[in-house]
Amino acid sequence: MNIKIINIVGWVLFLISSIGFIMSSLGNFWAMFGSVFFFTGCIVFLIPFFKK
């Protein structure tokens, strides 16, 4: 495995965990707020991998 695949797998795992945080924080505004920002941050860091 090269480093790019390992990085993508790591970020996909972060996305899965952020979705889990979003699901667990349903009903709590501030936890949901933070979880959505975490998910958005993961997406932003993945953009360069798919631009090339």
PDB file of N, CA and C in Angstrom:
ATOM      1  N   MET A   1       0.855  -1.191   0.000  1.00  0.00           N
ATOM      2  CA  MET A   1       0.000   0.000   0.000  1.00  0.00           C
ATOM      3  C   MET A   1       0.891   1.241   0.000  1.00  0.00           C
ATOM      4  N   ASN A   2       0.522   2.172  -0.849  1.00  0.00           N
ATOM      5  CA  ASN A   2       1.294   3.406  -0.834  1.00  0.00           C
ATOM      6  C   ASN A   2       0.682   4.397   0.161  1.00  0.00           C
ATOM      7  N   ILE A   3       1.391   5.473   0.375  1.00  0.00           N
ATOM      8  CA  ILE A   3       1.006   6.444   1.406  1.00  0.00           C
ATOM      9  C   ILE A   3      -0.325   7.121   1.083  1.00  0.00           C
ATOM     10  N   LYS A   4      -0.625   7.326  -0.209  1.00  0.00           N
ATOM     11  CA  LYS A   4      -1.886   7.988  -0.584  1.00  0.00           C
ATOM     12  C   LYS A   4      -3.085   7.127  -0.194  1.00  0.00           C
ATOM     13  N   ILE A   5      -3.011   5.832  -0.428  1.00  0.00           N
ATOM     14  CA  ILE A   5      -4.121   4.940  -0.065  1.00  0.00           C
ATOM     15  C   ILE A   5      -4.304   4.900   1.448  1.00  0.00           C
ATOM     16  N   ILE A   6      -3.192   4.860   2.178  1.00  0.00           N
ATOM     17  CA  ILE A   6      -3.274   4.847   3.638  1.00  0.00           C
ATOM     18  C   ILE A   6      -3.919   6.130   4.145  1.00  0.00           C
ATOM     19  N   ASN A   7      -3.557   7.273   3.560  1.00  0.00           N
ATOM     20  CA  ASN A   7      -4.165   8.550   3.955  1.00  0.00           C
ATOM     21  C   ASN A   7      -5.664   8.565   3.670  1.00  0.00           C
ATOM     22  N   ILE A   8      -6.063   8.094   2.504  1.00  0.00           N
ATOM     23  CA  ILE A   8      -7.489   8.077   2.157  1.00  0.00           C
ATOM     24  C   ILE A   8      -8.260   7.160   3.094  1.00  0.00           C
ATOM     25  N   VAL A   9      -7.699   5.981   3.389  1.00  0.00           N
ATOM     26  CA  VAL A   9      -8.367   5.060   4.319  1.00  0.00           C
ATOM     27  C   VAL A   9      -8.518   5.714   5.691  1.00  0.00           C
ATOM     28  N   GLY A  10      -7.489   6.405   6.141  1.00  0.00           N
ATOM     29  CA  GLY A  10      -7.563   7.103   7.424  1.00  0.00           C
ATOM     30  C   GLY A  10      -8.656   8.155   7.446  1.00  0.00           C
ATOM     31  N   TRP A  11      -8.758   8.940   6.379  1.00  0.00           N
ATOM     32  CA  TRP A  11      -9.783   9.977   6.333  1.00  0.00           C
ATOM     33  C   TRP A  11     -11.182   9.392   6.214  1.00  0.00           C
ATOM     34  N   VAL A  12     -11.314   8.279   5.503  1.00  0.00           N
ATOM     35  CA  VAL A  12     -12.624   7.618   5.428  1.00  0.00           C
ATOM     36  C   VAL A  12     -13.032   7.122   6.811  1.00  0.00           C
ATOM     37  N   LEU A  13     -12.086   6.596   7.572  1.00  0.00           N
ATOM     38  CA  LEU A  13     -12.395   6.173   8.943  1.00  0.00           C
ATOM     39  C   LEU A  13     -12.801   7.363   9.809  1.00  0.00           C
ATOM     40  N   PHE A  14     -12.136   8.510   9.623  1.00  0.00           N
ATOM     41  CA  PHE A  14     -12.547   9.718  10.340  1.00  0.00           C
ATOM     42  C   PHE A  14     -13.971  10.116   9.954  1.00  0.00           C
ATOM     43  N   LEU A  15     -14.317  10.011   8.663  1.00  0.00           N
ATOM     44  CA  LEU A  15     -15.680  10.331   8.229  1.00  0.00           C
ATOM     45  C   LEU A  15     -16.698   9.405   8.884  1.00  0.00           C
ATOM     46  N   ILE A  16     -16.380   8.125   8.942  1.00  0.00           N
ATOM     47  CA  ILE A  16     -17.295   7.174   9.579  1.00  0.00           C
ATOM     48  C   ILE A  16     -17.475   7.508  11.051  1.00  0.00           C
ATOM     49  N   SER A  17     -16.381   7.850  11.726  1.00  0.00           N
ATOM     50  CA  SER A  17     -16.507   8.199  13.145  1.00  0.00           C
ATOM     51  C   SER A  17     -17.284   9.498  13.330  1.00  0.00           C
ATOM     52  N   SER A  18     -17.119  10.454  12.413  1.00  0.00           N
ATOM     53  CA  SER A  18     -17.877  11.699  12.547  1.00  0.00           C
ATOM     54  C   SER A  18     -19.366  11.467  12.325  1.00  0.00           C
ATOM     55  N   ILE A  19     -19.712  10.553  11.433  1.00  0.00           N
ATOM     56  CA  ILE A  19     -21.125  10.204  11.244  1.00  0.00           C
ATOM     57  C   ILE A  19     -21.672   9.554  12.512  1.00  0.00           C
ATOM     58  N   GLY A  20     -20.849   8.720  13.151  1.00  0.00           N
ATOM     59  CA  GLY A  20     -21.257   8.123  14.429  1.00  0.00           C
ATOM     60  C   GLY A  20     -21.473   9.177  15.499  1.00  0.00           C
ATOM     61  N   PHE A  21     -20.587  10.187  15.550  1.00  0.00           N
ATOM     62  CA  PHE A  21     -20.762  11.270  16.515  1.00  0.00           C
ATOM     63  C   PHE A  21     -22.045  12.045  16.231  1.00  0.00           C
ATOM     64  N   ILE A  22     -22.339  12.283  14.959  1.00  0.00           N
ATOM     65  CA  ILE A  22     -23.566  12.996  14.602  1.00  0.00           C
ATOM     66  C   ILE A  22     -24.786  12.202  15.059  1.00  0.00           C
ATOM     67  N   MET A  23     -24.777  10.899  14.810  1.00  0.00           N
ATOM     68  CA  MET A  23     -25.923  10.070  15.209  1.00  0.00           C
ATOM     69  C   MET A  23     -26.070  10.018  16.729  1.00  0.00           C
ATOM     70  N   SER A  24     -24.957   9.985  17.449  1.00  0.00           N
ATOM     71  CA  SER A  24     -25.048   9.898  18.909  1.00  0.00           C
ATOM     72  C   SER A  24     -25.429  11.227  19.549  1.00  0.00           C
ATOM     73  N   SER A  25     -25.259  12.333  18.820  1.00  0.00           N
ATOM     74  CA  SER A  25     -25.549  13.634  19.413  1.00  0.00           C
ATOM     75  C   SER A  25     -26.923  14.172  19.030  1.00  0.00           C
ATOM     76  N   LEU A  26     -27.752  13.353  18.418  1.00  0.00           N
ATOM     77  CA  LEU A  26     -29.103  13.807  18.074  1.00  0.00           C
ATOM     78  C   LEU A  26     -29.828  14.247  19.338  1.00  0.00           C
ATOM     79  N   GLY A  27     -30.408  15.419  19.297  1.00  0.00           N
ATOM     80  CA  GLY A  27     -31.133  15.940  20.445  1.00  0.00           C
ATOM     81  C   GLY A  27     -30.321  16.907  21.286  1.00  0.00           C
ATOM     82  N   ASN A  28     -29.020  16.948  21.100  1.00  0.00           N
ATOM     83  CA  ASN A  28     -28.169  17.872  21.840  1.00  0.00           C
ATOM     84  C   ASN A  28     -27.565  18.848  20.832  1.00  0.00           C
ATOM     85  N   PHE A  29     -28.018  20.094  20.874  1.00  0.00           N
ATOM     86  CA  PHE A  29     -27.637  21.076  19.862  1.00  0.00           C
ATOM     87  C   PHE A  29     -26.130  21.268  19.775  1.00  0.00           C
ATOM     88  N   TRP A  30     -25.458  21.503  20.899  1.00  0.00           N
ATOM     89  CA  TRP A  30     -24.036  21.823  20.869  1.00  0.00           C
ATOM     90  C   TRP A  30     -23.182  20.634  20.444  1.00  0.00           C
ATOM     91  N   ALA A  31     -23.558  19.453  20.850  1.00  0.00           N
ATOM     92  CA  ALA A  31     -22.829  18.262  20.407  1.00  0.00           C
ATOM     93  C   ALA A  31     -23.021  18.063  18.906  1.00  0.00           C
ATOM     94  N   MET A  32     -24.220  18.293  18.424  1.00  0.00           N
ATOM     95  CA  MET A  32     -24.492  18.179  16.990  1.00  0.00           C
ATOM     96  C   MET A  32     -23.707  19.238  16.215  1.00  0.00           C
ATOM     97  N   PHE A  33     -23.661  20.442  16.749  1.00  0.00           N
ATOM     98  CA  PHE A  33     -22.923  21.545  16.140  1.00  0.00           C
ATOM     99  C   PHE A  33     -21.453  21.158  15.965  1.00  0.00           C
ATOM    100  N   GLY A  34     -20.834  20.645  17.008  1.00  0.00           N
ATOM    101  CA  GLY A  34     -19.436  20.228  16.942  1.00  0.00           C
ATOM    102  C   GLY A  34     -19.225  19.050  16.009  1.00  0.00           C
ATOM    103  N   SER A  35     -20.155  18.111  16.019  1.00  0.00           N
ATOM    104  CA  SER A  35     -20.035  16.933  15.160  1.00  0.00           C
ATOM    105  C   SER A  35     -20.118  17.307  13.688  1.00  0.00           C
ATOM    106  N   VAL A  36     -20.995  18.227  13.367  1.00  0.00           N
ATOM    107  CA  VAL A  36     -21.127  18.663  11.971  1.00  0.00           C
ATOM    108  C   VAL A  36     -19.861  19.396  11.525  1.00  0.00           C
ATOM    109  N   PHE A  37     -19.272  20.212  12.409  1.00  0.00           N
ATOM    110  CA  PHE A  37     -18.023  20.875  12.059  1.00  0.00           C
ATOM    111  C   PHE A  37     -16.893  19.869  11.874  1.00  0.00           C
ATOM    112  N   PHE A  38     -16.853  18.833  12.692  1.00  0.00           N
ATOM    113  CA  PHE A  38     -15.851  17.775  12.552  1.00  0.00           C
ATOM    114  C   PHE A  38     -16.017  17.071  11.208  1.00  0.00           C
ATOM    115  N   PHE A  39     -17.250  16.749  10.839  1.00  0.00           N
ATOM    116  CA  PHE A  39     -17.540  16.110   9.550  1.00  0.00           C
ATOM    117  C   PHE A  39     -17.114  17.012   8.395  1.00  0.00           C
ATOM    118  N   THR A  40     -17.442  18.296   8.493  1.00  0.00           N
ATOM    119  CA  THR A  40     -17.078  19.256   7.448  1.00  0.00           C
ATOM    120  C   THR A  40     -15.563  19.368   7.315  1.00  0.00           C
ATOM    121  N   GLY A  41     -14.861  19.380   8.438  1.00  0.00           N
ATOM    122  CA  GLY A  41     -13.400  19.429   8.402  1.00  0.00           C
ATOM    123  C   GLY A  41     -12.807  18.218   7.710  1.00  0.00           C
ATOM    124  N   CYS A  42     -13.363  17.058   7.964  1.00  0.00           N
ATOM    125  CA  CYS A  42     -12.888  15.840   7.292  1.00  0.00           C
ATOM    126  C   CYS A  42     -13.085  15.939   5.787  1.00  0.00           C
ATOM    127  N   ILE A  43     -14.231  16.448   5.369  1.00  0.00           N
ATOM    128  CA  ILE A  43     -14.508  16.609   3.938  1.00  0.00           C
ATOM    129  C   ILE A  43     -13.514  17.591   3.315  1.00  0.00           C
ATOM    130  N   VAL A  44     -13.238  18.698   4.006  1.00  0.00           N
ATOM    131  CA  VAL A  44     -12.315  19.703   3.479  1.00  0.00           C
ATOM    132  C   VAL A  44     -10.919  19.109   3.298  1.00  0.00           C
ATOM    133  N   PHE A  45     -10.476  18.289   4.239  1.00  0.00           N
ATOM    134  CA  PHE A  45      -9.160  17.676   4.110  1.00  0.00           C
ATOM    135  C   PHE A  45      -9.116  16.621   3.009  1.00  0.00           C
ATOM    136  N   LEU A  46     -10.249  16.068   2.618  1.00  0.00           N
ATOM    137  CA  LEU A  46     -10.284  15.074   1.544  1.00  0.00           C
ATOM    138  C   LEU A  46     -10.302  15.701   0.147  1.00  0.00           C
ATOM    139  N   ILE A  47     -10.662  16.952   0.031  1.00  0.00           N
ATOM    140  CA  ILE A  47     -10.779  17.604  -1.275  1.00  0.00           C
ATOM    141  C   ILE A  47      -9.490  17.493  -2.100  1.00  0.00           C
ATOM    142  N   PRO A  48      -8.296  17.751  -1.540  1.00  0.00           N
ATOM    143  CA  PRO A  48      -7.081  17.652  -2.370  1.00  0.00           C
ATOM    144  C   PRO A  48      -6.828  16.254  -2.938  1.00  0.00           C
ATOM    145  N   PHE A  49      -7.261  15.206  -2.248  1.00  0.00           N
ATOM    146  CA  PHE A  49      -7.050  13.853  -2.756  1.00  0.00           C
ATOM    147  C   PHE A  49      -7.847  13.598  -4.032  1.00  0.00           C
ATOM    148  N   PHE A  50      -9.023  14.199  -4.129  1.00  0.00           N
ATOM    149  CA  PHE A  50      -9.878  13.941  -5.282  1.00  0.00           C
ATOM    150  C   PHE A  50      -9.727  14.985  -6.381  1.00  0.00           C
ATOM    151  N   LYS A  51      -8.997  16.079  -6.119  1.00  0.00           N
ATOM    152  CA  LYS A  51      -8.773  17.095  -7.137  1.00  0.00           C
ATOM    153  C   LYS A  51      -7.711  16.666  -8.137  1.00  0.00           C
ATOM    154  N   LYS A  52      -6.787  15.816  -7.715  1.00  0.00           N
ATOM    155  CA  LYS A  52      -5.677  15.419  -8.593  1.00  0.00           C
ATOM    156  C   LYS A  52      -6.079  14.334  -9.541  1.00  0.00           C
TER     157      LYS A  52
END
